[in-house]
Amino acid sequence: MKSLKKDYARLKDLLMRAYHEKGKSEVDELWQMRVMSHIRSLGPITSRKRYFMLFEQSVWRLAPVTCLLILVLAALLITLDFIPDYEMVKLLIDDPVEFTFVQLFGL
């Protein structure tokens, strides 16, 4: 981290010095033409397009909402019964063997 601060301070000093000395130096037209032709020869900057770039942005935007939704649903499931009472009665009436199996193993 310190090296970045030093680099930043050094760059700031160089830019300040260049700004203050901009009126002192004279540039001829030949130099300007060479610089501009060099810039034109560089061409456009090409960047790689990533296939999932838009998908990644939407995932990271929706991540906090998804986490909040998971927490709310988990809280609701904890406070509410997982198996309603009428389902338990239905299991007892229909198949008492399965009901005892559910009681023993907690499925």
Protein backbone atom coordinates (compact mmCIF):
# COMPACT_ATOMS: atom_id res chain seq x y z
CA MET A 1 0.00 0.00 0.00
CA LYS A 2 2.85 2.38 0.76
CA SER A 3 4.38 1.89 -2.67
CA LEU A 4 1.10 2.94 -4.29
CA LYS A 5 1.01 6.11 -2.19
CA LYS A 6 4.60 6.89 -3.13
CA ASP A 7 3.88 6.27 -6.79
CA TYR A 8 0.80 8.46 -6.60
CA ALA A 9 2.74 11.29 -4.96
CA ARG A 10 5.53 10.99 -7.52
CA LEU A 11 3.08 11.04 -10.40
CA LYS A 12 1.31 14.04 -8.91
CA ASP A 13 4.61 15.92 -8.61
CA LEU A 14 5.55 15.11 -12.21
CA LEU A 15 2.19 16.25 -13.52
CA MET A 16 2.34 19.47 -11.51
CA ARG A 17 5.82 20.19 -12.82
CA ALA A 18 4.72 19.49 -16.40
CA TYR A 19 1.69 21.74 -15.99
CA HIS A 20 3.77 24.64 -14.68
CA GLU A 21 6.36 24.26 -17.46
CA LYS A 22 3.89 23.93 -20.32
CA GLY A 23 4.30 27.53 -21.42
CA LYS A 24 8.12 27.39 -21.36
CA SER A 25 8.64 24.66 -23.92
CA GLU A 26 8.03 25.25 -27.61
CA VAL A 27 6.88 22.52 -29.90
CA ASP A 28 7.27 22.82 -33.66
CA GLU A 29 4.68 21.65 -36.13
CA LEU A 30 6.81 18.73 -37.32
CA TRP A 31 6.80 17.23 -33.84
CA GLN A 32 3.03 17.62 -33.62
CA MET A 33 2.56 15.95 -37.01
CA ARG A 34 4.78 13.02 -36.00
CA VAL A 35 2.91 12.54 -32.75
CA MET A 36 -0.47 12.67 -34.46
CA SER A 37 0.61 10.20 -37.15
CA HIS A 38 1.89 7.86 -34.45
CA ILE A 39 -1.46 8.08 -32.66
CA ARG A 40 -3.29 7.33 -35.91
CA SER A 41 -1.04 4.34 -36.58
CA LEU A 42 -1.95 2.83 -33.21
CA GLY A 43 -5.53 2.29 -34.36
CA PRO A 44 -8.54 1.61 -32.20
CA ILE A 45 -8.17 -0.13 -28.89
CA THR A 46 -9.60 -3.61 -29.04
CA SER A 47 -11.12 -5.18 -26.00
CA ARG A 48 -12.13 -8.75 -25.43
CA LYS A 49 -15.82 -9.19 -25.00
CA ARG A 50 -16.70 -11.57 -22.25
CA TYR A 51 -19.73 -13.71 -22.88
CA PHE A 52 -21.16 -13.59 -19.36
CA MET A 53 -20.38 -9.93 -18.55
CA LEU A 54 -24.01 -8.80 -18.38
CA PHE A 55 -24.98 -11.96 -16.53
CA GLU A 56 -22.26 -11.37 -13.91
CA GLN A 57 -23.45 -7.81 -13.29
CA SER A 58 -27.05 -8.88 -12.76
CA VAL A 59 -26.00 -11.74 -10.47
CA TRP A 60 -24.00 -9.43 -8.21
CA ARG A 61 -26.85 -6.92 -8.14
CA LEU A 62 -29.37 -9.59 -7.16
CA ALA A 63 -27.14 -11.38 -4.62
CA PRO A 64 -28.13 -9.24 -1.58
CA VAL A 65 -31.83 -9.56 -2.43
CA THR A 66 -31.46 -13.32 -2.78
CA CYS A 67 -29.69 -13.61 0.58
CA LEU A 68 -32.40 -11.54 2.26
CA LEU A 69 -35.10 -13.70 0.68
CA ILE A 70 -33.37 -16.88 1.89
CA LEU A 71 -33.16 -15.51 5.44
CA VAL A 72 -36.84 -14.52 5.45
CA LEU A 73 -37.94 -17.91 4.12
CA ALA A 74 -35.74 -19.74 6.63
CA ALA A 75 -37.26 -17.71 9.47
CA LEU A 76 -40.76 -18.51 8.23
CA LEU A 77 -39.99 -22.22 8.01
CA ILE A 78 -38.58 -22.25 11.53
CA THR A 79 -41.60 -20.47 13.03
CA LEU A 80 -44.19 -22.47 11.08
CA ASP A 81 -44.74 -26.21 11.31
CA PHE A 82 -43.03 -28.24 8.63
CA ILE A 83 -45.85 -30.82 8.57
CA PRO A 84 -49.37 -29.49 9.16
CA ASP A 85 -51.62 -31.29 11.66
CA TYR A 86 -54.08 -32.54 9.06
CA GLU A 87 -51.24 -34.28 7.22
CA MET A 88 -50.28 -36.10 10.43
CA VAL A 89 -53.89 -37.23 10.97
CA LYS A 90 -54.11 -38.34 7.35
CA LEU A 91 -50.96 -40.42 7.76
CA LEU A 92 -52.33 -42.04 10.93
CA ILE A 93 -55.65 -42.93 9.36
CA ASP A 94 -54.33 -44.11 5.99
CA ASP A 95 -51.24 -46.05 7.04
CA PRO A 96 -50.39 -46.41 10.73
CA VAL A 97 -47.16 -48.29 9.92
CA GLU A 98 -45.81 -45.38 7.91
CA PHE A 99 -46.85 -42.99 10.68
CA THR A 100 -44.81 -44.89 13.25
CA PHE A 101 -41.88 -44.93 10.83
CA VAL A 102 -42.13 -41.15 10.53
CA GLN A 103 -42.27 -40.83 14.31
CA LEU A 104 -39.23 -43.02 14.82
CA PHE A 105 -36.93 -41.49 12.25
CA GLY A 106 -38.30 -37.95 12.11
CA LEU A 107 -38.73 -37.87 8.33
